[in-house]
Amino acid sequence: MALGTVEIVALVVFGVLIFGVDKIPKLARNVGLAKGEYQKAVSEVTTPSKAEQDMDRGGMTAEVDLESE
């Protein structure tokens, strides 16, 4: 069930009537900022932290691990 041209135009007109012309750019900017914050948080969760990397090396930092080799 795809949106056609008429439905998209109706949604835009409805949005302008509800929020007003001056608030739509602010809303779009806030949605973009929220998306960026979400992506940043997801990348922080998926990449291992420095402490986790040290734990994989037996609790040694990368510098100490290189010195011991």
PDB file of N, CA and C in Angstrom:
ATOM      1  N   MET A   1       0.848  -1.166   0.000  1.00  0.00           N
ATOM      2  CA  MET A   1       0.000   0.000   0.000  1.00  0.00           C
ATOM      3  C   MET A   1       0.899   1.236   0.000  1.00  0.00           C
ATOM      4  N   ALA A   2       1.184   1.742  -1.172  1.00  0.00           N
ATOM      5  CA  ALA A   2       2.080   2.881  -1.323  1.00  0.00           C
ATOM      6  C   ALA A   2       1.289   4.193  -1.284  1.00  0.00           C
ATOM      7  N   LEU A   3       1.974   5.238  -0.875  1.00  0.00           N
ATOM      8  CA  LEU A   3       1.354   6.558  -0.877  1.00  0.00           C
ATOM      9  C   LEU A   3       1.489   7.175  -2.262  1.00  0.00           C
ATOM     10  N   GLY A   4       0.402   7.695  -2.757  1.00  0.00           N
ATOM     11  CA  GLY A   4       0.420   8.371  -4.046  1.00  0.00           C
ATOM     12  C   GLY A   4       0.667   9.855  -3.884  1.00  0.00           C
ATOM     13  N   THR A   5       0.707  10.544  -4.986  1.00  0.00           N
ATOM     14  CA  THR A   5       0.976  11.977  -4.980  1.00  0.00           C
ATOM     15  C   THR A   5      -0.100  12.742  -4.212  1.00  0.00           C
ATOM     16  N   VAL A   6      -1.338  12.372  -4.410  1.00  0.00           N
ATOM     17  CA  VAL A   6      -2.442  13.068  -3.754  1.00  0.00           C
ATOM     18  C   VAL A   6      -2.351  12.904  -2.235  1.00  0.00           C
ATOM     19  N   GLU A   7      -2.027  11.699  -1.780  1.00  0.00           N
ATOM     20  CA  GLU A   7      -1.931  11.464  -0.341  1.00  0.00           C
ATOM     21  C   GLU A   7      -0.779  12.261   0.269  1.00  0.00           C
ATOM     22  N   ILE A   8       0.361  12.316  -0.420  1.00  0.00           N
ATOM     23  CA  ILE A   8       1.508  13.060   0.092  1.00  0.00           C
ATOM     24  C   ILE A   8       1.193  14.549   0.170  1.00  0.00           C
ATOM     25  N   VAL A   9       0.546  15.092  -0.850  1.00  0.00           N
ATOM     26  CA  VAL A   9       0.167  16.510  -0.846  1.00  0.00           C
ATOM     27  C   VAL A   9      -0.816  16.782   0.290  1.00  0.00           C
ATOM     28  N   ALA A  10      -1.752  15.874   0.499  1.00  0.00           N
ATOM     29  CA  ALA A  10      -2.721  16.047   1.580  1.00  0.00           C
ATOM     30  C   ALA A  10      -2.029  16.040   2.936  1.00  0.00           C
ATOM     31  N   LEU A  11      -1.036  15.159   3.120  1.00  0.00           N
ATOM     32  CA  LEU A  11      -0.299  15.117   4.382  1.00  0.00           C
ATOM     33  C   LEU A  11       0.509  16.391   4.604  1.00  0.00           C
ATOM     34  N   VAL A  12       1.104  16.926   3.556  1.00  0.00           N
ATOM     35  CA  VAL A  12       1.878  18.166   3.681  1.00  0.00           C
ATOM     36  C   VAL A  12       0.960  19.321   4.054  1.00  0.00           C
ATOM     37  N   VAL A  13      -0.183  19.429   3.371  1.00  0.00           N
ATOM     38  CA  VAL A  13      -1.137  20.500   3.677  1.00  0.00           C
ATOM     39  C   VAL A  13      -1.647  20.357   5.107  1.00  0.00           C
ATOM     40  N   PHE A  14      -1.938  19.138   5.512  1.00  0.00           N
ATOM     41  CA  PHE A  14      -2.394  18.889   6.878  1.00  0.00           C
ATOM     42  C   PHE A  14      -1.320  19.290   7.892  1.00  0.00           C
ATOM     43  N   GLY A  15      -0.060  18.965   7.605  1.00  0.00           N
ATOM     44  CA  GLY A  15       1.039  19.337   8.491  1.00  0.00           C
ATOM     45  C   GLY A  15       1.197  20.835   8.601  1.00  0.00           C
ATOM     46  N   VAL A  16       1.047  21.541   7.485  1.00  0.00           N
ATOM     47  CA  VAL A  16       1.150  23.002   7.501  1.00  0.00           C
ATOM     48  C   VAL A  16       0.012  23.598   8.318  1.00  0.00           C
ATOM     49  N   LEU A  17      -1.176  23.051   8.184  1.00  0.00           N
ATOM     50  CA  LEU A  17      -2.313  23.563   8.951  1.00  0.00           C
ATOM     51  C   LEU A  17      -2.143  23.300  10.446  1.00  0.00           C
ATOM     52  N   ILE A  18      -1.607  22.160  10.800  1.00  0.00           N
ATOM     53  CA  ILE A  18      -1.453  21.803  12.210  1.00  0.00           C
ATOM     54  C   ILE A  18      -0.316  22.591  12.863  1.00  0.00           C
ATOM     55  N   PHE A  19       0.882  22.582  12.234  1.00  0.00           N
ATOM     56  CA  PHE A  19       2.070  23.136  12.870  1.00  0.00           C
ATOM     57  C   PHE A  19       2.365  24.565  12.467  1.00  0.00           C
ATOM     58  N   GLY A  20       1.935  24.981  11.315  1.00  0.00           N
ATOM     59  CA  GLY A  20       2.263  26.315  10.830  1.00  0.00           C
ATOM     60  C   GLY A  20       3.546  26.286  10.011  1.00  0.00           C
ATOM     61  N   VAL A  21       3.669  27.259   9.136  1.00  0.00           N
ATOM     62  CA  VAL A  21       4.786  27.292   8.202  1.00  0.00           C
ATOM     63  C   VAL A  21       6.114  27.514   8.926  1.00  0.00           C
ATOM     64  N   ASP A  22       6.125  28.308   9.967  1.00  0.00           N
ATOM     65  CA  ASP A  22       7.385  28.636  10.624  1.00  0.00           C
ATOM     66  C   ASP A  22       7.924  27.503  11.494  1.00  0.00           C
ATOM     67  N   LYS A  23       7.087  26.573  11.942  1.00  0.00           N
ATOM     68  CA  LYS A  23       7.548  25.500  12.826  1.00  0.00           C
ATOM     69  C   LYS A  23       8.019  24.260  12.082  1.00  0.00           C
ATOM     70  N   ILE A  24       7.656  24.101  10.831  1.00  0.00           N
ATOM     71  CA  ILE A  24       8.034  22.893  10.096  1.00  0.00           C
ATOM     72  C   ILE A  24       9.552  22.777   9.944  1.00  0.00           C
ATOM     73  N   PRO A  25      10.303  23.833   9.585  1.00  0.00           N
ATOM     74  CA  PRO A  25      11.771  23.679   9.530  1.00  0.00           C
ATOM     75  C   PRO A  25      12.387  23.342  10.891  1.00  0.00           C
ATOM     76  N   LYS A  26      11.834  23.900  11.954  1.00  0.00           N
ATOM     77  CA  LYS A  26      12.333  23.581  13.290  1.00  0.00           C
ATOM     78  C   LYS A  26      12.086  22.115  13.628  1.00  0.00           C
ATOM     79  N   LEU A  27      10.903  21.623  13.281  1.00  0.00           N
ATOM     80  CA  LEU A  27      10.600  20.219  13.524  1.00  0.00           C
ATOM     81  C   LEU A  27      11.526  19.312  12.723  1.00  0.00           C
ATOM     82  N   ALA A  28      11.756  19.653  11.458  1.00  0.00           N
ATOM     83  CA  ALA A  28      12.647  18.845  10.615  1.00  0.00           C
ATOM     84  C   ALA A  28      14.064  18.848  11.172  1.00  0.00           C
ATOM     85  N   ARG A  29      14.534  20.002  11.634  1.00  0.00           N
ATOM     86  CA  ARG A  29      15.875  20.094  12.212  1.00  0.00           C
ATOM     87  C   ARG A  29      15.972  19.234  13.467  1.00  0.00           C
ATOM     88  N   ASN A  30      14.951  19.289  14.321  1.00  0.00           N
ATOM     89  CA  ASN A  30      14.966  18.489  15.546  1.00  0.00           C
ATOM     90  C   ASN A  30      14.912  16.998  15.255  1.00  0.00           C
ATOM     91  N   VAL A  31      14.164  16.617  14.231  1.00  0.00           N
ATOM     92  CA  VAL A  31      14.125  15.203  13.849  1.00  0.00           C
ATOM     93  C   VAL A  31      15.505  14.766  13.363  1.00  0.00           C
ATOM     94  N   GLY A  32      16.172  15.597  12.585  1.00  0.00           N
ATOM     95  CA  GLY A  32      17.519  15.279  12.117  1.00  0.00           C
ATOM     96  C   GLY A  32      18.512  15.166  13.263  1.00  0.00           C
ATOM     97  N   LEU A  33      18.435  16.080  14.227  1.00  0.00           N
ATOM     98  CA  LEU A  33      19.320  16.016  15.390  1.00  0.00           C
ATOM     99  C   LEU A  33      19.052  14.761  16.218  1.00  0.00           C
ATOM    100  N   ALA A  34      17.790  14.420  16.385  1.00  0.00           N
ATOM    101  CA  ALA A  34      17.446  13.219  17.145  1.00  0.00           C
ATOM    102  C   ALA A  34      17.966  11.970  16.440  1.00  0.00           C
ATOM    103  N   LYS A  35      17.866  11.949  15.127  1.00  0.00           N
ATOM    104  CA  LYS A  35      18.373  10.804  14.368  1.00  0.00           C
ATOM    105  C   LYS A  35      19.886  10.679  14.532  1.00  0.00           C
ATOM    106  N   GLY A  36      20.593  11.816  14.494  1.00  0.00           N
ATOM    107  CA  GLY A  36      22.036  11.798  14.688  1.00  0.00           C
ATOM    108  C   GLY A  36      22.422  11.314  16.074  1.00  0.00           C
ATOM    109  N   GLU A  37      21.708  11.762  17.099  1.00  0.00           N
ATOM    110  CA  GLU A  37      21.971  11.310  18.459  1.00  0.00           C
ATOM    111  C   GLU A  37      21.717   9.811  18.596  1.00  0.00           C
ATOM    112  N   TYR A  38      20.659   9.334  17.975  1.00  0.00           N
ATOM    113  CA  TYR A  38      20.338   7.907  18.032  1.00  0.00           C
ATOM    114  C   TYR A  38      21.438   7.087  17.368  1.00  0.00           C
ATOM    115  N   GLN A  39      21.895   7.507  16.183  1.00  0.00           N
ATOM    116  CA  GLN A  39      22.943   6.774  15.483  1.00  0.00           C
ATOM    117  C   GLN A  39      24.250   6.797  16.271  1.00  0.00           C
ATOM    118  N   LYS A  40      24.546   7.906  16.929  1.00  0.00           N
ATOM    119  CA  LYS A  40      25.745   8.003  17.749  1.00  0.00           C
ATOM    120  C   LYS A  40      25.659   7.031  18.927  1.00  0.00           C
ATOM    121  N   ALA A  41      24.506   6.973  19.568  1.00  0.00           N
ATOM    122  CA  ALA A  41      24.325   6.066  20.701  1.00  0.00           C
ATOM    123  C   ALA A  41      24.424   4.616  20.260  1.00  0.00           C
ATOM    124  N   VAL A  42      23.863   4.288  19.117  1.00  0.00           N
ATOM    125  CA  VAL A  42      23.929   2.913  18.617  1.00  0.00           C
ATOM    126  C   VAL A  42      25.368   2.534  18.315  1.00  0.00           C
ATOM    127  N   SER A  43      26.133   3.446  17.722  1.00  0.00           N
ATOM    128  CA  SER A  43      27.527   3.120  17.408  1.00  0.00           C
ATOM    129  C   SER A  43      28.358   2.977  18.683  1.00  0.00           C
ATOM    130  N   GLU A  44      28.048   3.747  19.726  1.00  0.00           N
ATOM    131  CA  GLU A  44      28.759   3.608  20.991  1.00  0.00           C
ATOM    132  C   GLU A  44      28.471   2.267  21.653  1.00  0.00           C
ATOM    133  N   VAL A  45      27.263   1.775  21.492  1.00  0.00           N
ATOM    134  CA  VAL A  45      26.893   0.505  22.104  1.00  0.00           C
ATOM    135  C   VAL A  45      27.501  -0.660  21.335  1.00  0.00           C
ATOM    136  N   THR A  46      27.564  -0.570  20.029  1.00  0.00           N
ATOM    137  CA  THR A  46      28.032  -1.699  19.229  1.00  0.00           C
ATOM    138  C   THR A  46      29.556  -1.810  19.189  1.00  0.00           C
ATOM    139  N   THR A  47      30.293  -0.708  19.318  1.00  0.00           N
ATOM    140  CA  THR A  47      31.750  -0.786  19.328  1.00  0.00           C
ATOM    141  C   THR A  47      32.221  -1.039  20.753  1.00  0.00           C
ATOM    142  N   PRO A  48      33.185  -1.931  20.919  1.00  0.00           N
ATOM    143  CA  PRO A  48      33.647  -2.222  22.278  1.00  0.00           C
ATOM    144  C   PRO A  48      34.403  -1.037  22.870  1.00  0.00           C
ATOM    145  N   SER A  49      34.219  -0.835  24.148  1.00  0.00           N
ATOM    146  CA  SER A  49      34.892   0.275  24.831  1.00  0.00           C
ATOM    147  C   SER A  49      36.360  -0.074  25.052  1.00  0.00           C
ATOM    148  N   LYS A  50      37.137   0.919  25.466  1.00  0.00           N
ATOM    149  CA  LYS A  50      38.556   0.705  25.721  1.00  0.00           C
ATOM    150  C   LYS A  50      38.750  -0.290  26.865  1.00  0.00           C
ATOM    151  N   ALA A  51      37.891  -0.217  27.865  1.00  0.00           N
ATOM    152  CA  ALA A  51      37.990  -1.150  28.992  1.00  0.00           C
ATOM    153  C   ALA A  51      37.717  -2.582  28.536  1.00  0.00           C
ATOM    154  N   GLU A  52      36.749  -2.757  27.649  1.00  0.00           N
ATOM    155  CA  GLU A  52      36.461  -4.096  27.138  1.00  0.00           C
ATOM    156  C   GLU A  52      37.621  -4.636  26.308  1.00  0.00           C
ATOM    157  N   GLN A  53      38.262  -3.775  25.551  1.00  0.00           N
ATOM    158  CA  GLN A  53      39.411  -4.208  24.769  1.00  0.00           C
ATOM    159  C   GLN A  53      40.569  -4.606  25.685  1.00  0.00           C
ATOM    160  N   ASP A  54      40.752  -3.849  26.772  1.00  0.00           N
ATOM    161  CA  ASP A  54      41.798  -4.197  27.728  1.00  0.00           C
ATOM    162  C   ASP A  54      41.501  -5.535  28.396  1.00  0.00           C
ATOM    163  N   MET A  55      40.236  -5.801  28.690  1.00  0.00           N
ATOM    164  CA  MET A  55      39.863  -7.072  29.301  1.00  0.00           C
ATOM    165  C   MET A  55      40.172  -8.237  28.369  1.00  0.00           C
ATOM    166  N   ASP A  56      40.034  -8.032  27.059  1.00  0.00           N
ATOM    167  CA  ASP A  56      40.359  -9.085  26.098  1.00  0.00           C
ATOM    168  C   ASP A  56      41.854  -9.393  26.092  1.00  0.00           C
ATOM    169  N   ARG A  57      42.676  -8.433  26.493  1.00  0.00           N
ATOM    170  CA  ARG A  57      44.126  -8.637  26.553  1.00  0.00           C
ATOM    171  C   ARG A  57      44.568  -9.033  27.959  1.00  0.00           C
ATOM    172  N   GLY A  58      43.678  -9.472  28.780  1.00  0.00           N
ATOM    173  CA  GLY A  58      44.037  -9.881  30.134  1.00  0.00           C
ATOM    174  C   GLY A  58      44.195  -8.717  31.084  1.00  0.00           C
ATOM    175  N   GLY A  59      43.567  -7.608  30.810  1.00  0.00           N
ATOM    176  CA  GLY A  59      43.627  -6.444  31.679  1.00  0.00           C
ATOM    177  C   GLY A  59      44.770  -5.507  31.380  1.00  0.00           C
ATOM    178  N   MET A  60      45.558  -5.805  30.343  1.00  0.00           N
ATOM    179  CA  MET A  60      46.682  -4.936  29.991  1.00  0.00           C
ATOM    180  C   MET A  60      46.258  -3.961  28.900  1.00  0.00           C
ATOM    181  N   THR A  61      46.786  -2.744  28.972  1.00  0.00           N
ATOM    182  CA  THR A  61      46.527  -1.781  27.911  1.00  0.00           C
ATOM    183  C   THR A  61      47.320  -2.183  26.671  1.00  0.00           C
ATOM    184  N   ALA A  62      47.024  -1.562  25.560  1.00  0.00           N
ATOM    185  CA  ALA A  62      47.687  -1.901  24.317  1.00  0.00           C
ATOM    186  C   ALA A  62      49.186  -1.618  24.399  1.00  0.00           C
ATOM    187  N   GLU A  63      49.556  -0.529  25.076  1.00  0.00           N
ATOM    188  CA  GLU A  63      50.975  -0.178  25.189  1.00  0.00           C
ATOM    189  C   GLU A  63      51.746  -1.220  25.988  1.00  0.00           C
ATOM    190  N   VAL A  64      51.178  -1.650  27.100  1.00  0.00           N
ATOM    191  CA  VAL A  64      51.844  -2.644  27.942  1.00  0.00           C
ATOM    192  C   VAL A  64      51.904  -3.973  27.215  1.00  0.00           C
ATOM    193  N   ASP A  65      50.860  -4.314  26.488  1.00  0.00           N
ATOM    194  CA  ASP A  65      50.833  -5.564  25.739  1.00  0.00           C
ATOM    195  C   ASP A  65      51.915  -5.580  24.667  1.00  0.00           C
ATOM    196  N   LEU A  66      52.128  -4.455  23.998  1.00  0.00           N
ATOM    197  CA  LEU A  66      53.164  -4.380  22.974  1.00  0.00           C
ATOM    198  C   LEU A  66      54.559  -4.458  23.591  1.00  0.00           C
ATOM    199  N   GLU A  67      54.753  -3.866  24.770  1.00  0.00           N
ATOM    200  CA  GLU A  67      56.051  -3.914  25.442  1.00  0.00           C
ATOM    201  C   GLU A  67      56.412  -5.329  25.889  1.00  0.00           C
ATOM    202  N   SER A  68      55.411  -6.106  26.275  1.00  0.00           N
ATOM    203  CA  SER A  68      55.689  -7.454  26.790  1.00  0.00           C
ATOM    204  C   SER A  68      56.007  -8.437  25.669  1.00  0.00           C
ATOM    205  N   GLU A  69      55.696  -8.091  24.434  1.00  0.00           N
ATOM    206  CA  GLU A  69      55.964  -9.016  23.324  1.00  0.00           C
ATOM    207  C   GLU A  69      57.358  -8.956  22.854  1.00  0.00           C
TER     208      GLU A  69
END
